[in-house]
Amino acid sequence: MYQGRLTFVGGGNMAASLIGGLIAQGYPADRITVCDPIAETRQQLAAQFGVATTDDNRAAASRAETLVLAVKPQVMAAVARELAPALTHRPLLISIAAGIPLAALATWLGSELPLVRCMPNTPALVRAGATGLYGSAQVGAEQRQIAEQILAAVGTTTWVAEEAQIDAVTALSGSGPAYFFLVMEILMTVGRELGLPPDTARALTLQTALGAAQMAQGSDLDVGELRRRVTSPGGTTAAAIEVLQAGGLAGLFAAALRAADQRAREMGATAQEASA
């Protein structure tokens, strides 16, 4: 496992999740540094994980072999420009900021740096995330493995062939947990309306969602076939599926994902314009 000097710029929830996942897999805490401007955040991370902390981004970056940019998108430009003079040793940079294209990062940080853009999702907070990754031309095979190992500490990872596909990743898995939460919210509400106690409706909904995902993950069958095997002709499931299909559920989800994809593209274009 990679054990190089790893620095996180930004010590928020996603950074903390990655640090926790890495340490659980055997990454040495004394090889990790976290930069954050908030003293309380630094103290919490140091106490929880035993990592070094600092508020000096440049000093920490100058010693890093791999640098994870875990700051909010709206402050990325300022943070990246501050870091740029400290990156003459060309460390690997991994950005987990949504909507910031590699071209913008290259403008702020330096065009020759190896840059990896990632799109994790919130289940990474419980180490069940799904992350899409895309690397610049400067990222070598070993650096791809390093980036993958770091993000795999909180779930599954998938490389995409084109940076534009990160927008599709954003629409599908980046925003995807909210879609499933919405469906679960609806199921719980209707379950209560049908007479179930709230705790029962919640427990049944969550376990059904978890069980369905585990069945799909552990099966060689595609999800369409799994659905058909659960749907007996003339039965209760068939009655429900007919209503969903008649209501245009597939079209609604298609429109929703396309809207998310388009918004991701717009955010990337705005970031690119700001970098010019």
Protein backbone atom coordinates (compact mmCIF):
# COMPACT_ATOMS: atom_id res chain seq x y z
CA MET A 1 0.00 0.00 0.00
CA TYR A 2 1.19 3.52 -0.76
CA GLN A 3 2.66 5.22 2.31
CA GLY A 4 4.11 8.45 0.95
CA ARG A 5 3.84 11.84 2.60
CA LEU A 6 0.19 12.75 2.20
CA THR A 7 -1.24 16.20 2.84
CA PHE A 8 -4.90 17.20 2.94
CA VAL A 9 -5.72 20.84 2.27
CA GLY A 10 -9.07 21.16 4.02
CA GLY A 11 -10.10 19.09 7.03
CA GLY A 12 -13.86 18.75 6.51
CA ASN A 13 -16.04 15.64 6.57
CA MET A 14 -14.76 14.11 3.34
CA ALA A 15 -11.13 14.59 4.33
CA ALA A 16 -11.83 13.08 7.75
CA SER A 17 -13.54 10.10 6.11
CA LEU A 18 -10.59 9.50 3.79
CA ILE A 19 -8.12 9.80 6.67
CA GLY A 20 -10.13 7.39 8.80
CA GLY A 21 -10.42 4.88 5.97
CA LEU A 22 -6.72 5.06 5.15
CA ILE A 23 -5.61 4.61 8.75
CA ALA A 24 -8.02 1.68 9.17
CA GLN A 25 -6.28 0.04 6.20
CA GLY A 26 -2.86 0.52 7.76
CA TYR A 27 -1.72 3.88 6.43
CA PRO A 28 0.68 5.39 9.01
CA ALA A 29 -0.86 8.41 10.72
CA ASP A 30 2.56 10.04 11.02
CA ARG A 31 2.72 10.27 7.22
CA ILE A 32 -0.44 12.40 7.05
CA THR A 33 -0.72 16.16 7.49
CA VAL A 34 -3.94 18.15 7.45
CA CYS A 35 -4.09 21.88 6.70
CA ASP A 36 -7.11 23.78 7.93
CA PRO A 37 -7.61 27.40 9.02
CA ILE A 38 -9.90 26.46 11.93
CA ALA A 39 -8.04 25.58 15.13
CA GLU A 40 -10.90 23.46 16.49
CA THR A 41 -10.93 21.32 13.33
CA ARG A 42 -7.18 20.80 13.56
CA GLN A 43 -7.44 19.80 17.21
CA GLN A 44 -10.25 17.33 16.52
CA LEU A 45 -8.38 15.64 13.68
CA ALA A 46 -5.17 15.43 15.66
CA ALA A 47 -6.98 13.92 18.65
CA GLN A 48 -9.06 11.49 16.58
CA PHE A 49 -6.43 10.21 14.17
CA GLY A 50 -3.04 11.22 15.53
CA VAL A 51 -2.16 13.12 12.35
CA ALA A 52 -0.08 16.28 12.12
CA THR A 53 -2.03 19.48 11.55
CA THR A 54 -1.17 23.01 10.50
CA ASP A 55 -2.66 26.23 9.17
CA ASP A 56 0.32 26.80 6.85
CA ASN A 57 -0.77 25.43 3.47
CA ARG A 58 2.43 26.31 1.64
CA ALA A 59 4.79 24.75 4.15
CA ALA A 60 2.82 21.50 4.26
CA ALA A 61 2.44 21.38 0.47
CA SER A 62 6.16 21.83 -0.04
CA ARG A 63 6.80 18.57 1.84
CA ALA A 64 3.94 16.53 0.36
CA GLU A 65 4.36 13.73 -2.16
CA THR A 66 0.59 13.61 -2.67
CA LEU A 67 -1.74 16.53 -2.02
CA VAL A 68 -5.52 16.12 -1.65
CA LEU A 69 -7.43 19.33 -2.31
CA ALA A 70 -10.51 18.99 -0.10
CA VAL A 71 -11.70 22.60 0.05
CA LYS A 72 -15.03 24.04 -1.07
CA PRO A 73 -15.24 24.85 -4.80
CA GLN A 74 -15.82 28.56 -4.15
CA VAL A 75 -12.43 28.94 -2.42
CA MET A 76 -10.44 26.59 -4.65
CA ALA A 77 -9.01 29.33 -6.88
CA ALA A 78 -7.60 31.31 -3.94
CA VAL A 79 -6.22 28.20 -2.22
CA ALA A 80 -4.68 26.84 -5.42
CA ARG A 81 -2.97 30.11 -6.26
CA GLU A 82 -1.55 30.23 -2.72
CA LEU A 83 -0.19 26.70 -3.08
CA ALA A 84 1.32 27.08 -6.56
CA PRO A 85 4.74 28.46 -5.50
CA ALA A 86 5.24 25.50 -3.14
CA LEU A 87 4.70 22.83 -5.81
CA THR A 88 7.97 23.01 -7.74
CA HIS A 89 8.69 19.38 -6.73
CA ARG A 90 5.60 18.33 -8.77
CA PRO A 91 3.60 16.26 -6.26
CA LEU A 92 0.48 14.36 -7.29
CA LEU A 93 -2.59 16.55 -6.74
CA ILE A 94 -6.03 15.05 -6.19
CA SER A 95 -9.06 17.34 -6.23
CA ILE A 96 -12.36 16.27 -4.70
CA ALA A 97 -14.00 19.67 -5.28
CA ALA A 98 -17.17 19.42 -7.34
CA GLY A 99 -17.42 21.30 -10.62
CA ILE A 100 -13.77 22.39 -10.93
CA PRO A 101 -12.30 21.19 -14.28
CA LEU A 102 -8.66 20.23 -14.69
CA ALA A 103 -8.02 23.19 -17.00
CA ALA A 104 -8.95 25.59 -14.21
CA LEU A 105 -6.81 23.72 -11.69
CA ALA A 106 -3.89 23.75 -14.14
CA THR A 107 -4.24 27.50 -14.59
CA TRP A 108 -4.17 28.11 -10.83
CA LEU A 109 -1.61 25.45 -9.83
CA GLY A 110 0.65 24.96 -12.83
CA SER A 111 0.04 23.33 -16.20
CA GLU A 112 2.70 20.61 -15.85
CA LEU A 113 1.50 19.14 -12.56
CA PRO A 114 -0.08 15.67 -12.40
CA LEU A 115 -3.74 16.34 -11.56
CA VAL A 116 -6.53 13.90 -10.72
CA ARG A 117 -10.12 15.08 -10.55
CA CYS A 118 -12.47 12.98 -8.42
CA MET A 119 -16.20 12.91 -7.82
CA PRO A 120 -16.96 11.01 -4.59
CA ASN A 121 -20.42 10.88 -3.03
CA THR A 122 -21.68 11.26 0.52
CA PRO A 123 -21.82 7.52 1.41
CA ALA A 124 -18.03 7.87 1.49
CA LEU A 125 -18.72 9.27 4.98
CA VAL A 126 -19.61 5.68 6.03
CA ARG A 127 -16.98 4.11 3.72
CA ALA A 128 -19.61 2.98 1.23
CA GLY A 129 -18.95 5.62 -1.41
CA ALA A 130 -18.68 5.49 -5.17
CA THR A 131 -16.03 7.69 -6.79
CA GLY A 132 -15.30 8.52 -10.41
CA LEU A 133 -11.75 9.61 -11.29
CA TYR A 134 -10.07 11.26 -14.27
CA GLY A 135 -6.38 12.10 -14.59
CA SER A 136 -4.48 14.66 -16.64
CA ALA A 137 -1.92 13.57 -19.23
CA GLN A 138 0.83 14.12 -16.65
CA VAL A 139 -0.52 11.41 -14.32
CA GLY A 140 1.52 8.22 -14.65
CA ALA A 141 0.44 4.64 -13.99
CA GLU A 142 1.90 4.60 -10.47
CA GLN A 143 0.18 7.87 -9.63
CA ARG A 144 -3.13 6.50 -10.89
CA GLN A 145 -2.71 3.60 -8.46
CA ILE A 146 -1.96 6.03 -5.62
CA ALA A 147 -5.08 8.10 -6.33
CA GLU A 148 -7.17 4.95 -6.59
CA GLN A 149 -5.86 3.57 -3.29
CA ILE A 150 -6.63 6.82 -1.47
CA LEU A 151 -10.21 7.07 -2.74
CA ALA A 152 -10.80 3.32 -2.37
CA ALA A 153 -10.37 3.80 1.38
CA VAL A 154 -13.99 5.01 1.45
CA GLY A 155 -15.65 2.81 -1.19
CA THR A 156 -15.44 1.77 -4.82
CA THR A 157 -13.56 3.66 -7.52
CA THR A 158 -13.98 3.89 -11.29
CA TRP A 159 -11.79 5.71 -13.82
CA VAL A 160 -13.50 7.43 -16.73
CA ALA A 161 -11.93 7.87 -20.17
CA GLU A 162 -12.90 11.52 -20.72
CA GLU A 163 -13.16 14.39 -18.28
CA ALA A 164 -16.65 15.24 -19.57
CA GLN A 165 -17.78 11.90 -18.17
CA ILE A 166 -17.14 13.24 -14.67
CA ASP A 167 -20.28 15.33 -15.19
CA ALA A 168 -22.21 12.12 -15.85
CA VAL A 169 -20.67 10.61 -12.72
CA THR A 170 -21.84 13.68 -10.81
CA ALA A 171 -25.37 13.24 -12.15
CA LEU A 172 -25.51 9.51 -11.47
CA SER A 173 -23.57 8.69 -8.31
CA GLY A 174 -22.56 12.13 -7.02
CA SER A 175 -26.17 13.27 -6.75
CA GLY A 176 -27.55 9.73 -6.68
CA PRO A 177 -27.84 9.27 -2.90
CA ALA A 178 -30.40 12.08 -2.84
CA TYR A 179 -32.53 10.23 -5.40
CA PHE A 180 -32.57 7.11 -3.24
CA PHE A 181 -33.21 9.13 -0.08
CA LEU A 182 -36.20 10.71 -1.85
CA VAL A 183 -37.59 7.29 -2.80
CA MET A 184 -37.06 6.03 0.75
CA GLU A 185 -38.76 9.13 2.12
CA ILE A 186 -41.77 8.47 -0.08
CA LEU A 187 -41.94 4.78 0.86
CA MET A 188 -41.81 5.62 4.57
CA THR A 189 -44.53 8.25 4.22
CA VAL A 190 -46.90 5.99 2.28
CA GLY A 191 -46.15 3.08 4.61
CA ARG A 192 -47.36 5.23 7.50
CA GLU A 193 -50.43 6.26 5.51
CA LEU A 194 -51.20 2.57 4.97
CA GLY A 195 -51.24 2.07 8.74
CA LEU A 196 -47.70 1.08 9.68
CA PRO A 197 -46.11 2.61 12.78
CA PRO A 198 -43.39 5.13 11.83
CA ASP A 199 -40.56 3.00 13.26
CA THR A 200 -41.80 -0.03 11.36
CA ALA A 201 -42.13 1.87 8.07
CA ARG A 202 -38.59 3.21 8.48
CA ALA A 203 -37.03 -0.12 9.41
CA LEU A 204 -38.72 -1.98 6.55
CA THR A 205 -37.80 0.73 4.02
CA LEU A 206 -34.12 0.89 4.97
CA GLN A 207 -33.65 -2.87 5.12
CA THR A 208 -35.44 -3.31 1.78
CA ALA A 209 -33.17 -0.73 0.14
CA LEU A 210 -30.07 -2.32 1.63
CA GLY A 211 -31.18 -5.84 0.72
CA ALA A 212 -32.01 -4.92 -2.87
CA ALA A 213 -28.60 -3.28 -3.33
CA GLN A 214 -26.80 -6.27 -1.83
CA MET A 215 -28.75 -8.68 -4.04
CA ALA A 216 -27.89 -6.67 -7.15
CA GLN A 217 -24.23 -6.39 -6.15
CA GLY A 218 -23.91 -10.10 -5.46
CA SER A 219 -25.76 -11.36 -8.54
CA ASP A 220 -24.57 -12.09 -12.07
CA LEU A 221 -28.01 -11.06 -13.34
CA ASP A 222 -28.73 -7.52 -14.46
CA VAL A 223 -31.13 -5.50 -12.34
CA GLY A 224 -33.86 -5.70 -14.98
CA GLU A 225 -33.88 -9.49 -14.71
CA LEU A 226 -33.86 -9.30 -10.92
CA ARG A 227 -36.87 -7.00 -11.09
CA ARG A 228 -38.69 -9.38 -13.42
CA ARG A 229 -38.03 -12.33 -11.11
CA VAL A 230 -39.61 -10.45 -8.20
CA THR A 231 -42.62 -9.40 -10.30
CA SER A 232 -45.10 -12.28 -10.50
CA PRO A 233 -47.76 -11.80 -13.24
CA GLY A 234 -50.96 -10.52 -11.73
CA GLY A 235 -49.41 -10.08 -8.30
CA THR A 236 -48.96 -7.15 -5.96
CA THR A 237 -45.55 -6.14 -7.33
CA ALA A 238 -46.87 -6.20 -10.88
CA ALA A 239 -49.73 -3.89 -9.87
CA ALA A 240 -47.28 -1.42 -8.36
CA ILE A 241 -44.79 -1.55 -11.27
CA GLU A 242 -47.59 -0.94 -13.78
CA VAL A 243 -48.52 2.28 -11.96
CA LEU A 244 -44.91 3.47 -11.86
CA GLN A 245 -44.36 2.75 -15.54
CA ALA A 246 -47.65 4.33 -16.56
CA GLY A 247 -46.65 7.44 -14.61
CA GLY A 248 -43.47 7.80 -16.64
CA LEU A 249 -40.97 6.98 -13.90
CA ALA A 250 -38.19 6.09 -16.36
CA GLY A 251 -38.65 9.35 -18.23
CA LEU A 252 -38.62 11.36 -15.01
CA PHE A 253 -35.33 9.83 -13.90
CA ALA A 254 -33.83 10.35 -17.35
CA ALA A 255 -34.83 14.02 -17.28
CA ALA A 256 -33.50 14.39 -13.73
CA LEU A 257 -30.07 12.96 -14.54
CA ARG A 258 -29.80 15.05 -17.70
CA ALA A 259 -30.63 18.17 -15.67
CA ALA A 260 -27.92 17.29 -13.14
CA ASP A 261 -25.43 16.58 -15.93
CA GLN A 262 -26.20 19.91 -17.58
CA ARG A 263 -25.84 21.78 -14.30
CA ALA A 264 -22.48 20.12 -13.69
CA ARG A 265 -21.33 21.27 -17.14
CA GLU A 266 -22.48 24.81 -16.40
CA MET A 267 -20.60 24.85 -13.11
CA GLY A 268 -17.46 23.64 -14.85
CA ALA A 269 -17.79 26.32 -17.51
CA THR A 270 -18.21 29.00 -14.86
CA ALA A 271 -15.09 27.79 -13.06
CA GLN A 272 -13.19 27.76 -16.34
CA GLU A 273 -14.22 31.34 -17.09
CA ALA A 274 -13.14 32.42 -13.63
CA SER A 275 -9.69 30.91 -14.19
CA ALA A 276 -9.09 32.84 -17.39
